[in-house]
Protein backbone atom coordinates (compact mmCIF):
# COMPACT_ATOMS: atom_id res chain seq x y z
CA MET A 1 41.96 92.67 86.81
CA THR A 2 42.75 92.67 83.07
CA ASP A 3 44.44 89.47 81.98
CA GLY A 4 48.15 90.05 81.34
CA ALA A 5 48.01 93.60 82.80
CA ARG A 6 50.76 94.82 85.04
CA VAL A 7 49.70 95.38 88.64
CA PHE A 8 50.40 98.69 90.36
CA TYR A 9 49.47 99.67 93.92
CA LEU A 10 50.29 103.30 94.90
CA THR A 11 49.59 105.06 98.18
CA THR A 12 49.76 108.52 99.64
CA PRO A 13 50.36 109.06 103.32
CA ILE A 14 47.04 109.29 105.15
CA TYR A 15 46.61 112.95 106.22
CA TYR A 16 46.14 114.15 109.73
CA VAL A 17 42.66 115.54 110.33
CA ASN A 18 43.66 118.11 112.92
CA ASP A 19 43.34 120.72 110.21
CA ARG A 20 42.23 121.31 106.60
CA PRO A 21 44.05 120.39 103.34
CA HIS A 22 46.91 122.61 102.08
CA LEU A 23 49.38 122.78 99.29
CA GLY A 24 51.67 120.07 100.79
CA HIS A 25 48.84 117.58 100.92
CA ALA A 26 47.68 118.55 97.41
CA TYR A 27 51.11 118.13 95.83
CA THR A 28 51.50 114.65 97.22
CA THR A 29 48.05 113.60 96.05
CA ILE A 30 48.39 115.23 92.58
CA VAL A 31 51.68 113.41 92.11
CA ALA A 32 50.13 110.08 92.98
CA ASP A 33 47.09 110.84 90.84
CA ALA A 34 49.31 111.68 87.84
CA MET A 35 51.20 108.48 88.22
CA ALA A 36 48.09 106.40 88.71
CA ARG A 37 46.54 107.96 85.56
CA TYR A 38 49.70 107.27 83.59
CA ARG A 39 49.81 103.56 84.61
CA ARG A 40 46.06 103.25 83.82
CA LEU A 41 46.80 104.85 80.44
CA ALA A 42 49.54 102.16 79.93
CA GLY A 43 46.83 99.49 80.57
CA ASP A 44 48.00 98.57 84.08
CA ASP A 45 45.82 97.27 86.85
CA VAL A 46 46.02 100.24 89.21
CA TRP A 47 44.99 100.52 92.83
CA PHE A 48 45.41 104.14 94.19
CA LEU A 49 44.84 104.67 97.94
CA THR A 50 44.66 107.85 99.95
CA GLY A 51 42.80 108.67 103.17
CA THR A 52 42.99 110.31 106.65
CA ASP A 53 44.79 109.56 109.94
CA GLU A 54 42.33 110.23 112.72
CA HIS A 55 43.84 109.11 115.99
CA GLY A 56 46.44 110.48 118.41
CA ASP A 57 47.39 113.26 120.76
CA LYS A 58 46.89 116.19 118.44
CA ILE A 59 43.56 115.15 117.17
CA ALA A 60 42.26 114.88 120.72
CA GLN A 61 43.81 118.21 121.55
CA ALA A 62 42.46 119.97 118.40
CA ALA A 63 39.04 118.52 119.13
CA ALA A 64 39.02 119.75 122.72
CA ALA A 65 40.12 123.18 121.57
CA ALA A 66 37.27 123.23 119.09
CA GLY A 67 34.66 122.08 121.61
CA MET A 68 33.79 118.78 119.91
CA THR A 69 34.54 115.13 120.24
CA PRO A 70 37.62 113.60 118.35
CA GLN A 71 35.15 111.64 116.15
CA GLN A 72 33.22 114.83 115.16
CA LEU A 73 36.43 116.57 114.33
CA ALA A 74 37.59 113.62 112.28
CA ASP A 75 34.31 113.36 110.40
CA ARG A 76 34.35 117.06 109.52
CA ASN A 77 37.93 117.33 108.49
CA SER A 78 38.02 113.92 106.69
CA ALA A 79 35.16 115.27 104.60
CA ALA A 80 37.19 118.35 103.82
CA PHE A 81 39.96 116.29 102.42
CA ARG A 82 37.58 114.34 100.27
CA ASP A 83 36.01 117.47 98.96
CA ALA A 84 39.37 118.96 98.26
CA TRP A 85 40.35 115.91 96.18
CA ARG A 86 36.98 115.96 94.37
CA GLN A 87 37.63 119.62 93.42
CA LEU A 88 41.12 118.79 92.21
CA GLY A 89 39.75 115.86 90.16
CA ILE A 90 41.69 113.27 92.05
CA GLU A 91 40.63 109.70 90.94
CA TYR A 92 41.59 107.49 93.86
CA SER A 93 40.54 103.81 94.07
CA ASP A 94 39.93 103.87 97.82
CA TYR A 95 39.89 106.26 100.69
CA ILE A 96 40.77 104.77 104.05
CA ARG A 97 39.97 106.28 107.42
CA THR A 98 41.70 104.94 110.54
CA THR A 99 38.44 105.17 112.48
CA GLU A 100 36.86 102.60 110.22
CA PRO A 101 36.19 99.20 111.60
CA ARG A 102 37.91 97.45 108.71
CA HIS A 103 41.15 99.30 109.78
CA THR A 104 40.71 98.54 113.49
CA LYS A 105 40.40 94.93 112.71
CA VAL A 106 43.56 94.47 110.76
CA VAL A 107 45.61 96.66 113.21
CA GLN A 108 44.62 94.53 116.14
CA ALA A 109 45.27 91.35 114.17
CA ILE A 110 48.75 92.42 113.42
CA LEU A 111 49.41 93.59 116.93
CA GLN A 112 48.27 90.33 118.26
CA THR A 113 50.52 88.41 115.83
CA LEU A 114 53.56 90.49 116.93
CA TRP A 115 52.62 90.02 120.68
CA ASP A 116 52.35 86.17 120.13
CA LYS A 117 55.69 86.17 118.43
CA GLY A 118 57.41 87.97 121.31
CA GLU A 119 58.06 91.08 119.14
CA LEU A 120 56.45 93.43 121.84
CA TYR A 121 57.26 93.95 125.52
CA LEU A 122 56.14 96.34 128.36
CA GLY A 123 58.84 98.80 129.35
CA LYS A 124 59.43 102.22 130.83
CA TYR A 125 60.76 105.22 128.84
CA GLY A 126 61.29 108.96 129.36
CA GLY A 127 62.32 111.58 126.97
CA PRO A 128 61.66 114.81 125.07
CA TYR A 129 58.42 114.46 123.16
CA CYS A 130 56.74 116.51 120.28
CA PHE A 131 52.96 116.47 120.37
CA GLY A 132 52.98 117.79 116.79
CA CYS A 133 55.17 114.85 115.49
CA GLU A 134 53.69 112.52 118.08
CA ARG A 135 57.12 111.01 118.82
CA PHE A 136 60.08 111.08 121.18
CA TYR A 137 63.23 112.82 119.99
CA THR A 138 66.86 111.94 120.85
CA GLU A 139 69.28 114.55 122.05
CA LYS A 140 71.07 114.31 118.65
CA GLU A 141 67.88 115.21 116.72
CA ILE A 142 66.88 118.23 118.82
CA VAL A 143 67.70 121.67 117.57
CA GLU A 144 68.25 124.29 120.19
CA GLY A 145 65.96 122.47 122.57
CA LYS A 146 63.09 122.48 120.02
CA CYS A 147 61.42 120.13 117.61
CA PRO A 148 63.49 120.38 114.31
CA ASP A 149 60.27 120.42 112.31
CA HIS A 150 57.75 122.36 114.23
CA GLN A 151 60.29 124.54 115.97
CA THR A 152 58.28 124.26 119.26
CA PRO A 153 59.64 123.42 122.75
CA LEU A 154 59.56 119.71 123.54
CA ALA A 155 57.80 118.24 126.54
CA TRP A 156 59.47 115.70 128.89
CA ILE A 157 57.31 112.61 129.13
CA GLU A 158 58.07 109.47 131.18
CA GLU A 159 55.69 106.55 131.29
CA GLU A 160 55.29 102.83 130.97
CA ASN A 161 54.46 101.71 127.47
CA TYR A 162 54.70 98.73 125.13
CA PHE A 163 57.64 98.70 122.84
CA PHE A 164 58.47 97.00 119.48
CA LYS A 165 61.86 95.30 119.27
CA MET A 166 62.93 97.31 116.36
CA SER A 167 66.58 97.27 117.20
CA LYS A 168 66.87 93.64 116.26
CA TYR A 169 66.15 94.54 112.69
CA GLN A 170 68.89 97.10 112.20
CA ALA A 171 71.36 94.77 110.45
CA TRP A 172 68.67 93.35 108.32
CA LEU A 173 67.37 96.76 107.32
CA ILE A 174 70.83 98.02 106.29
CA GLU A 175 71.47 94.93 104.22
CA THR A 176 68.02 95.34 102.52
CA ILE A 177 68.59 98.97 101.69
CA GLU A 178 72.00 98.31 100.35
CA ARG A 179 70.97 95.31 98.37
CA GLN A 180 68.09 97.31 96.79
CA PRO A 181 69.50 100.62 95.76
CA ASP A 182 66.23 101.96 94.54
CA LEU A 183 64.10 100.84 97.52
CA ILE A 184 64.26 104.42 98.82
CA ARG A 185 64.35 107.06 96.14
CA PRO A 186 65.64 109.60 95.16
CA GLU A 187 69.11 108.40 96.35
CA ARG A 188 69.63 111.36 98.71
CA TYR A 189 66.94 109.94 101.05
CA ARG A 190 68.46 106.41 100.89
CA ASN A 191 71.84 107.96 101.96
CA GLU A 192 70.10 109.95 104.65
CA ILE A 193 68.53 106.74 106.16
CA LEU A 194 71.76 104.77 105.91
CA GLY A 195 73.45 107.58 107.66
CA PHE A 196 70.88 107.44 110.51
CA LEU A 197 71.39 103.71 110.79
CA ARG A 198 74.99 104.12 111.56
CA ASP A 199 73.93 104.74 115.14
CA PRO A 200 72.29 102.14 117.29
CA LEU A 201 68.55 101.83 116.52
CA GLN A 202 66.30 102.06 119.50
CA ASP A 203 63.16 99.97 120.14
CA LEU A 204 59.90 101.87 119.25
CA SER A 205 57.19 102.84 121.73
CA ILE A 206 53.94 101.61 120.23
CA SER A 207 51.31 102.57 122.76
CA ARG A 208 49.98 105.36 124.98
CA PRO A 209 48.18 104.64 128.41
CA LYS A 210 44.55 105.38 128.21
CA SER A 211 44.93 107.49 131.44
CA ARG A 212 46.70 110.04 129.14
CA LEU A 213 45.18 109.37 125.66
CA SER A 214 41.98 107.42 125.12
CA TRP A 215 41.61 108.41 121.44
CA GLY A 216 43.07 105.46 119.67
CA ILE A 217 42.74 101.71 118.90
CA PRO A 218 42.95 99.62 122.03
CA LEU A 219 45.74 96.97 122.24
CA PRO A 220 44.15 93.57 121.74
CA PHE A 221 46.16 92.01 124.58
CA ASP A 222 45.95 95.01 127.05
CA ASP A 223 42.94 97.36 126.76
CA THR A 224 44.35 99.83 129.18
CA TYR A 225 46.57 101.10 126.39
CA VAL A 226 45.80 102.45 122.90
CA THR A 227 48.01 101.95 119.75
CA TYR A 228 50.66 104.59 119.14
CA VAL A 229 50.08 106.68 116.00
CA TRP A 230 52.67 105.10 113.69
CA PHE A 231 51.67 101.52 114.49
CA ASP A 232 48.21 102.55 113.74
CA ALA A 233 48.69 104.87 110.74
CA LEU A 234 51.25 102.83 108.70
CA ILE A 235 49.11 99.76 108.82
CA ASN A 236 46.41 101.54 106.70
CA TYR A 237 48.36 100.49 103.55
CA VAL A 238 47.66 96.91 104.55
CA SER A 239 44.19 97.31 106.18
CA ALA A 240 42.76 99.09 102.98
CA LEU A 241 43.41 95.78 101.01
CA GLY A 242 41.59 93.69 103.70
CA GLY A 243 44.79 92.42 105.34
CA PRO A 244 46.76 89.18 104.71
CA GLY A 245 44.77 86.51 103.19
CA ASP A 246 42.31 88.80 101.38
CA ALA A 247 42.17 88.37 97.66
CA ARG A 248 42.76 92.11 97.09
CA PHE A 249 45.76 92.04 99.37
CA GLU A 250 47.22 89.09 97.62
CA THR A 251 46.77 90.80 94.26
CA TYR A 252 48.16 94.25 94.98
CA TRP A 253 50.54 94.09 97.99
CA PRO A 254 53.43 92.56 96.18
CA HIS A 255 53.49 95.58 93.85
CA VAL A 256 53.13 98.46 96.45
CA GLN A 257 54.86 101.69 96.16
CA HIS A 258 54.56 104.55 98.68
CA VAL A 259 54.68 108.32 97.96
CA THR A 260 55.47 110.59 100.88
CA ALA A 261 57.12 113.95 101.86
CA LYS A 262 60.60 114.04 103.45
CA ASP A 263 59.33 114.97 106.89
CA ILE A 264 58.05 111.38 107.38
CA VAL A 265 60.77 109.51 105.56
CA LYS A 266 62.08 108.01 108.85
CA PRO A 267 58.77 106.30 109.87
CA HIS A 268 58.38 104.97 106.32
CA ALA A 269 61.96 103.98 105.75
CA ILE A 270 62.76 102.51 109.18
CA TYR A 271 59.75 101.74 111.32
CA TRP A 272 57.61 100.47 108.44
CA PRO A 273 59.91 97.91 106.86
CA SER A 274 60.81 96.64 110.31
CA MET A 275 57.25 96.16 111.27
CA LEU A 276 56.59 94.38 107.99
CA LYS A 277 59.53 92.07 108.59
CA ALA A 278 58.38 91.32 112.06
CA ALA A 279 54.81 90.50 110.87
CA GLY A 280 56.10 88.23 108.14
CA LEU A 281 54.97 90.48 105.29
CA PRO A 282 56.88 91.69 102.15
CA VAL A 283 58.43 95.09 102.18
CA TYR A 284 57.22 97.67 99.63
CA ARG A 285 58.92 97.87 96.12
CA HIS A 286 59.76 101.61 96.39
CA LEU A 287 59.45 104.52 98.84
CA ASN A 288 59.15 107.67 96.69
CA VAL A 289 60.16 110.70 98.67
CA HIS A 290 59.56 114.32 97.60
CA GLY A 291 60.69 117.60 98.99
CA TYR A 292 58.92 120.64 100.67
CA TRP A 293 57.24 123.55 98.99
CA THR A 294 58.69 126.66 100.48
CA LEU A 295 57.47 130.27 100.73
CA GLY A 296 60.53 132.59 101.04
CA GLY A 297 62.67 129.41 101.80
CA ARG A 298 60.47 128.07 104.65
CA LYS A 299 58.38 124.97 104.49
CA ILE A 300 54.70 125.71 103.89
CA SER A 301 53.05 124.23 106.97
CA LYS A 302 50.19 125.36 109.28
CA SER A 303 52.03 124.06 112.24
CA VAL A 304 55.05 126.38 111.65
CA GLY A 305 52.80 129.28 111.05
CA ASN A 306 53.49 130.11 107.36
CA LEU A 307 50.67 128.31 105.46
CA VAL A 308 49.37 130.41 102.65
CA GLU A 309 46.20 129.93 100.69
CA ALA A 310 48.20 128.50 97.84
CA LEU A 311 45.70 125.64 97.24
CA ALA A 312 42.96 128.19 96.64
CA LEU A 313 44.76 129.38 93.50
CA LYS A 314 43.30 126.33 91.74
CA ASP A 315 40.03 128.26 91.80
CA THR A 316 41.57 131.34 90.25
CA TYR A 317 43.62 129.70 87.49
CA GLY A 318 41.98 126.27 87.07
CA ASN A 319 42.92 122.66 87.98
CA ASP A 320 45.01 122.02 85.03
CA ALA A 321 47.09 125.09 85.43
CA PHE A 322 47.64 124.48 89.10
CA ARG A 323 48.41 120.82 88.46
CA TYR A 324 50.83 121.63 85.66
CA PHE A 325 52.68 124.15 87.65
CA VAL A 326 53.35 121.92 90.72
CA LEU A 327 54.35 118.95 88.53
CA ARG A 328 56.64 121.03 86.36
CA GLU A 329 58.05 123.36 88.88
CA MET A 330 59.32 120.83 91.50
CA VAL A 331 62.12 118.35 90.73
CA PHE A 332 60.86 115.38 92.63
CA GLY A 333 62.98 114.90 95.75
CA LEU A 334 64.09 118.49 95.89
CA ASP A 335 62.46 121.54 97.54
CA ALA A 336 60.71 124.14 95.41
CA ASP A 337 59.51 127.64 96.05
CA PHE A 338 55.87 128.55 95.45
CA SER A 339 54.44 131.82 94.24
CA GLU A 340 51.52 133.07 92.36
CA GLU A 341 53.79 134.95 90.03
CA ALA A 342 55.64 131.82 89.08
CA LEU A 343 52.42 130.00 88.50
CA VAL A 344 51.22 132.76 86.21
CA GLY A 345 54.46 132.68 84.42
CA ARG A 346 54.23 129.09 83.70
CA LEU A 347 50.52 129.40 82.69
CA ASN A 348 51.29 132.21 80.24
CA ALA A 349 54.54 130.78 78.81
CA ASP A 350 54.00 127.13 78.61
CA LEU A 351 50.19 126.52 78.62
CA ALA A 352 48.87 129.77 76.81
CA ASN A 353 51.85 130.44 74.48
CA ASP A 354 53.14 127.02 73.63
CA LEU A 355 50.27 124.53 74.04
CA GLY A 356 47.20 126.76 73.67
CA ASN A 357 48.65 128.63 70.70
CA LEU A 358 49.52 125.41 68.92
CA VAL A 359 46.04 123.94 69.44
CA SER A 360 44.39 127.19 68.39
CA ARG A 361 46.54 127.44 65.17
CA ALA A 362 46.20 123.76 64.16
CA THR A 363 42.52 123.37 64.85
CA THR A 364 41.75 126.71 62.99
CA LEU A 365 43.53 125.32 59.87
CA LEU A 366 41.99 121.82 60.22
CA SER A 367 38.49 123.02 60.92
CA SER A 368 38.32 124.65 57.53
CA LEU A 369 38.81 121.33 55.71
CA ALA A 370 36.13 118.81 54.62
CA PRO A 371 36.72 115.28 55.88
CA ASP A 372 38.66 113.11 53.44
CA GLU A 373 39.32 109.36 54.04
CA GLN A 374 41.97 109.25 51.39
CA PRO A 375 43.55 112.67 50.64
CA ALA A 376 46.23 113.08 48.14
CA LEU A 377 49.42 113.24 50.12
CA ALA A 378 52.93 114.27 49.44
CA SER A 379 55.93 112.29 50.79
CA ALA A 380 56.15 112.00 54.58
CA ALA A 381 59.93 112.73 54.47
CA GLY A 382 61.58 115.87 55.62
CA PRO A 383 59.94 118.07 58.22
CA HIS A 384 56.95 115.82 58.56
CA GLN A 385 59.09 112.86 59.49
CA ARG A 386 61.04 115.03 62.02
CA VAL A 387 57.71 115.74 63.80
CA ARG A 388 56.85 112.08 63.86
CA ALA A 389 60.30 111.19 65.14
CA ALA A 390 60.02 113.88 67.84
CA SER A 391 56.78 112.30 69.10
CA GLY A 392 58.55 108.95 69.41
CA GLU A 393 61.44 110.46 71.27
CA ALA A 394 59.06 112.34 73.65
CA ARG A 395 57.25 109.17 74.32
CA LYS A 396 60.39 107.29 75.15
CA ILE A 397 61.69 110.04 77.54
CA VAL A 398 58.24 110.22 79.24
CA ASP A 399 58.10 106.52 79.95
CA ALA A 400 61.62 106.43 81.42
CA ALA A 401 60.88 109.65 83.47
CA MET A 402 57.62 108.26 84.86
CA SER A 403 59.39 105.13 86.00
CA GLU A 404 61.45 107.32 88.27
CA PHE A 405 58.66 109.85 89.28
CA ALA A 406 60.51 112.50 87.33
CA PHE A 407 57.46 114.46 86.40
CA GLN A 408 59.43 117.66 85.44
CA ARG A 409 61.55 115.61 82.99
CA ALA A 410 58.47 114.09 81.46
CA LEU A 411 56.73 117.44 80.87
CA GLY A 412 60.00 119.01 79.66
CA ALA A 413 60.16 116.23 76.91
CA LEU A 414 56.48 116.86 75.99
CA TRP A 415 57.08 120.62 75.73
CA GLU A 416 60.05 120.08 73.45
CA PHE A 417 57.62 118.17 71.15
CA ILE A 418 55.08 121.06 71.40
CA GLY A 419 57.82 123.44 70.39
CA GLU A 420 58.80 121.24 67.43
CA VAL A 421 55.26 121.22 66.10
CA ASN A 422 55.02 125.00 66.46
CA ARG A 423 58.23 125.33 64.55
CA TYR A 424 56.80 122.92 61.93
CA ILE A 425 53.83 125.14 61.29
CA ASP A 426 56.23 128.18 60.83
CA THR A 427 58.46 126.31 58.50
CA THR A 428 55.73 124.63 56.30
CA GLN A 429 53.48 127.71 56.20
CA PRO A 430 50.25 125.82 55.57
CA TRP A 431 48.28 129.03 55.02
CA ALA A 432 50.40 129.72 51.93
CA LEU A 433 50.20 126.08 50.71
CA ALA A 434 46.47 126.32 50.94
CA LYS A 435 46.42 129.04 48.29
CA ASP A 436 48.31 127.11 45.68
CA PRO A 437 46.26 124.36 44.05
CA THR A 438 49.33 122.68 42.66
CA ARG A 439 50.69 122.00 46.16
CA LYS A 440 47.55 120.46 47.58
CA PRO A 441 49.23 117.06 48.37
CA GLU A 442 51.88 119.03 50.31
CA PHE A 443 49.23 121.03 52.19
CA HIS A 444 47.31 117.75 52.95
CA ARG A 445 50.49 116.20 54.33
CA VAL A 446 50.89 119.17 56.69
CA MET A 447 47.23 118.89 57.78
CA VAL A 448 47.46 115.14 58.38
CA THR A 449 50.68 115.68 60.53
CA LEU A 450 49.03 118.45 62.59
CA ALA A 451 45.96 116.25 63.21
CA ASP A 452 48.19 113.40 64.16
CA SER A 453 50.18 115.62 66.51
CA LEU A 454 47.04 116.73 68.28
CA ARG A 455 45.81 113.11 68.72
CA PHE A 456 49.11 112.33 70.21
CA LEU A 457 48.96 115.25 72.61
CA GLY A 458 45.33 114.41 73.48
CA ILE A 459 46.52 111.06 74.79
CA ILE A 460 49.98 111.69 76.26
CA LEU A 461 48.82 114.75 78.17
CA THR A 462 46.01 112.85 79.97
CA PRO A 463 47.87 112.21 83.24
CA PHE A 464 49.19 115.72 83.56
CA LEU A 465 46.36 117.96 82.14
CA PRO A 466 43.36 115.72 82.24
CA ASP A 467 40.83 118.47 81.38
CA ALA A 468 42.81 119.93 78.42
CA ALA A 469 43.63 116.56 77.10
CA THR A 470 39.92 115.68 76.96
CA LYS A 471 39.14 118.95 75.15
CA ILE A 472 41.89 118.24 72.60
CA ARG A 473 40.64 114.74 71.89
CA HIS A 474 37.13 116.03 71.46
CA ALA A 475 38.26 118.70 69.03
CA VAL A 476 39.95 116.17 66.79
CA GLY A 477 37.07 113.64 67.03
CA ASP A 478 39.11 111.01 68.83
CA VAL A 479 36.34 109.18 70.79
CA ARG A 480 38.51 106.27 71.75
CA GLU A 481 39.25 105.52 75.41
CA PRO A 482 42.68 107.11 75.77
CA ARG A 483 45.41 104.40 75.85
CA LEU A 484 49.16 104.88 75.73
CA GLU A 485 49.48 102.40 72.87
CA ASN A 486 47.59 104.77 70.71
CA ALA A 487 50.02 107.64 71.37
CA GLN A 488 51.92 106.92 68.20
CA MET A 489 52.04 109.07 65.12
CA GLY A 490 51.94 107.83 61.48
CA ARG A 491 49.07 105.37 61.85
CA ASP A 492 46.27 107.63 60.49
CA ASP A 493 46.48 109.60 57.22
CA ARG A 494 42.86 110.56 57.07
CA LEU A 495 41.52 114.11 57.32
CA SER A 496 38.83 113.88 59.86
CA ARG A 497 36.36 116.49 61.04
CA VAL A 498 37.98 118.89 63.48
CA GLU A 499 36.39 121.57 65.62
CA ARG A 500 38.23 124.88 66.28
CA LEU A 501 39.56 124.98 69.78
CA SER A 502 40.75 128.45 70.87
CA GLY A 503 41.32 129.80 74.42
CA LEU A 504 42.36 126.48 75.84
CA PHE A 505 44.48 128.41 78.34
CA PRO A 506 43.81 132.17 78.18
CA ARG A 507 46.67 134.49 79.25
CA VAL A 508 46.19 136.02 82.70
CA GLU A 509 47.78 138.74 84.79
CA ALA A 510 48.79 137.91 88.37
CA THR A 511 46.99 139.76 91.09
CA ARG A 512 49.07 142.31 92.82
CA THR A 513 49.40 141.51 96.47
CA SER A 514 51.31 144.60 97.47
CA GLY A 515 49.19 147.42 98.78
CA THR A 516 50.55 150.13 96.37
CA PRO A 517 49.88 150.21 92.70
CA PRO A 518 52.73 150.70 90.26
CA THR A 519 53.37 154.31 89.29
CA ALA A 520 54.61 155.28 85.82
CA GLN A 521 57.87 157.18 86.08
CA ALA A 522 60.87 157.78 84.03
CA GLY A 523 64.22 156.12 84.86
CA PRO A 524 65.82 152.76 84.67
CA ALA A 525 63.60 149.73 84.09
CA ALA A 526 63.28 147.24 87.02
CA LEU A 527 65.90 144.52 86.94
CA ALA A 528 64.84 141.22 85.52
CA THR A 529 65.86 137.81 86.87
CA ILE A 530 67.25 134.99 84.89
CA ALA A 531 63.89 133.23 85.43
CA ASP A 532 62.08 136.28 83.88
CA PHE A 533 64.37 136.32 80.80
CA SER A 534 64.00 132.45 80.37
CA ARG A 535 60.37 132.91 79.60
CA VAL A 536 61.13 134.87 76.40
CA GLU A 537 61.94 132.64 73.48
CA LEU A 538 64.16 134.48 71.05
CA ARG A 539 64.88 132.87 67.71
CA VAL A 540 66.48 133.62 64.40
CA ALA A 541 64.02 133.97 61.52
CA GLU A 542 64.69 134.54 57.79
CA VAL A 543 62.45 136.94 56.09
CA LEU A 544 61.34 134.99 52.90
CA ALA A 545 58.85 137.57 51.70
CA ALA A 546 57.43 140.95 52.87
CA GLU A 547 54.40 143.03 51.72
CA ALA A 548 52.76 146.24 52.90
CA VAL A 549 49.53 145.93 54.92
CA PRO A 550 46.73 147.83 53.13
CA LYS A 551 45.51 150.92 54.94
CA SER A 552 48.41 150.95 57.39
CA ARG A 553 51.44 153.26 57.31
CA LYS A 554 53.39 151.22 59.83
CA LEU A 555 52.75 147.52 59.23
CA LEU A 556 54.61 145.06 56.97
CA ARG A 557 53.54 141.45 56.75
CA LEU A 558 56.55 139.13 56.90
CA THR A 559 56.44 135.47 55.86
CA VAL A 560 57.80 134.39 59.26
CA SER A 561 54.12 134.48 60.24
CA LEU A 562 54.64 137.91 61.85
CA VAL A 563 53.13 141.30 61.27
CA ALA A 564 55.72 144.02 61.93
CA GLY A 565 55.15 147.79 62.52
CA ILE A 566 58.18 148.90 60.53
CA ALA A 567 56.79 150.02 57.21
CA GLU A 568 57.78 153.67 57.85
CA HIS A 569 61.41 152.65 58.02
CA TYR A 570 61.78 149.69 55.54
CA ALA A 571 60.50 148.98 52.11
CA PRO A 572 59.41 145.34 51.85
CA ALA A 573 62.13 144.41 49.46
CA GLU A 574 64.85 145.55 51.89
CA LEU A 575 63.82 142.87 54.44
CA VAL A 576 63.75 139.84 52.24
CA GLY A 577 66.60 137.56 52.97
CA LYS A 578 67.52 139.18 56.25
CA LYS A 579 68.08 137.05 59.26
CA VAL A 580 66.17 138.89 62.02
CA VAL A 581 65.56 138.29 65.73
CA VAL A 582 61.97 137.45 66.80
CA VAL A 583 60.14 136.82 70.01
CA ALA A 584 58.68 133.37 69.15
CA ASN A 585 56.41 132.60 72.11
CA LEU A 586 54.05 135.59 72.15
CA VAL A 587 50.22 134.94 72.16
CA PRO A 588 48.83 135.67 68.59
CA ALA A 589 47.40 139.04 68.13
CA LYS A 590 45.44 140.64 65.28
CA LEU A 591 46.94 143.73 63.67
CA MET A 592 44.81 145.35 60.89
CA GLY A 593 43.01 142.05 60.61
CA ILE A 594 46.12 139.93 60.18
CA GLU A 595 47.05 137.46 62.86
CA SER A 596 50.57 137.89 64.11
CA HIS A 597 52.41 135.01 65.94
CA GLY A 598 55.50 136.90 67.27
CA MET A 599 57.55 140.13 67.22
CA VAL A 600 60.58 141.32 65.31
CA LEU A 601 63.09 142.95 67.72
CA ALA A 602 64.20 146.55 66.64
CA ALA A 603 65.88 149.48 68.33
CA SER A 604 64.86 153.12 67.71
CA THR A 605 66.13 156.48 68.60
CA GLU A 606 65.23 160.04 67.44
CA GLY A 607 62.72 158.71 64.95
CA LYS A 608 65.15 156.16 63.44
CA LEU A 609 64.47 152.42 63.62
CA ALA A 610 66.65 149.40 62.84
CA VAL A 611 65.81 145.65 63.05
CA LEU A 612 68.15 143.44 65.03
CA THR A 613 70.07 140.94 62.83
CA VAL A 614 72.66 138.22 63.50
CA ASP A 615 76.26 138.80 62.40
CA ARG A 616 76.66 135.03 61.27
CA ASP A 617 74.70 132.75 59.04
CA LEU A 618 72.59 130.86 61.56
CA PRO A 619 69.71 128.67 60.40
CA PRO A 620 66.07 129.82 60.82
CA GLY A 621 64.76 128.69 64.16
CA ALA A 622 68.10 128.78 65.98
CA LYS A 623 67.38 129.65 69.63
CA ILE A 624 69.06 132.74 71.02
CA THR A 625 70.36 132.20 74.61
């Protein structure tokens, strides 16, 4: 541990090994990985735990159906999770398996402690049971006679088992949740748990008789029973640290935060704190709960029959694009709908058009310059200072958002900054400054600001787009270990050697999944959704100068860094001073050898063309909504 570093312990749920990894598992793990990377970037001492849950009814049933032993199934499918996280670039500190001896040892020690303290007793219980959830349901929870999650019929099971006196902790738990408003977050899940606790809390069955289920950890005080799944699985958060008394446990446990999906909020928000209290261990600092990914409004889950190969899209579009989409698309705590079309839309609009275009433009300009330790620089006031201020504001918003697991808000702030830098290039027109020797200090100031902006992005994007951030740092020659303290503009006025970086995120087309190809036909265009329209960035642009493009009858070059095919309808002088409407987030295209960075909107009929203008004096860059 680094002296003076903040300590941060973060866990995912451990995933059942009755099947292979899917989007839901991936999202939880990517969220935790992004948070762990951010806290490491901030210089914290981070321990990030994930792993697999390998005991219980459904593991034994799945193994029997596959013609193998439960351990063989666990070994195979746990390896599949490890491989998935390797492919996704997940950087966990430890990977715990509940079949490991280190886990068994701690589980049995805690169970023995609770038995010795009189917290456990032998009793009889009967009720509707879901093998998928591995729990009994109350009549109030059942929906039309079925499990509310799996939508499958429940089995009636009656047997003698050991119980945990959870009911005695109800008042304490309510008081703890009310005293610590952010213990369970977002607030909607805190309120849900408090609502559940209005009814009497039942004691919790913690075992299964070996006569019915032998695949589990034997109770240390009665080896004719094995431990029930939650008393086994939840303790992994403690066993991975070696248990009470271990140096690692004493270092990290006081700072623990859990990340989980909302389907298992009840075990984490009710069973687990009660278990910890009974065992004499501190309760976690935060339980961070996220929503479901849906497909057509239904939760993506193998067990309810609608799992799609969404996770495989990382192979088609790349880890960074997949990672960005899930972090940006879902508001943490709420549900979000997944589609390949939406992923491609984000990739093209945000990653290719905004970030990729900025990096390509800036590094193309910077790579043409010789390194200069002390370039002659104009004042840093005006638009240069606005970019620097925007980076500071983005950094402040990101830090606040990440403290609340608000990944979407953090990325939104960074994309506001990226938009600011793209507008800065359009406003300062460095390609024009480069041609005027008398404006060299001004040109150098723009170049220093662009290099500074890329250094900032190469650091601050590390938790969210680790591969792209590494490429940006390499392009600008930033060989330092990325640290959040270095994500600050205005410290470096040198012109260092920069390598051109183009194609950071190439535009792609979504694969059609319907069986029939589109047919070209006359008639009304297909209706666009608000989401479709929101991807088009329309802005006001003032035409400051215009000139004909040699050897072209149609093209005019406008000094809004656009090339417009309107020469047959306008003389260059007619356009100067006009406030026109442009599409500002198109991928650059070369027309007659000139790179265009947008499109002027115009209407045409019967051979006549007119550019769209605004009827009031709006400033250049004003966004059209």
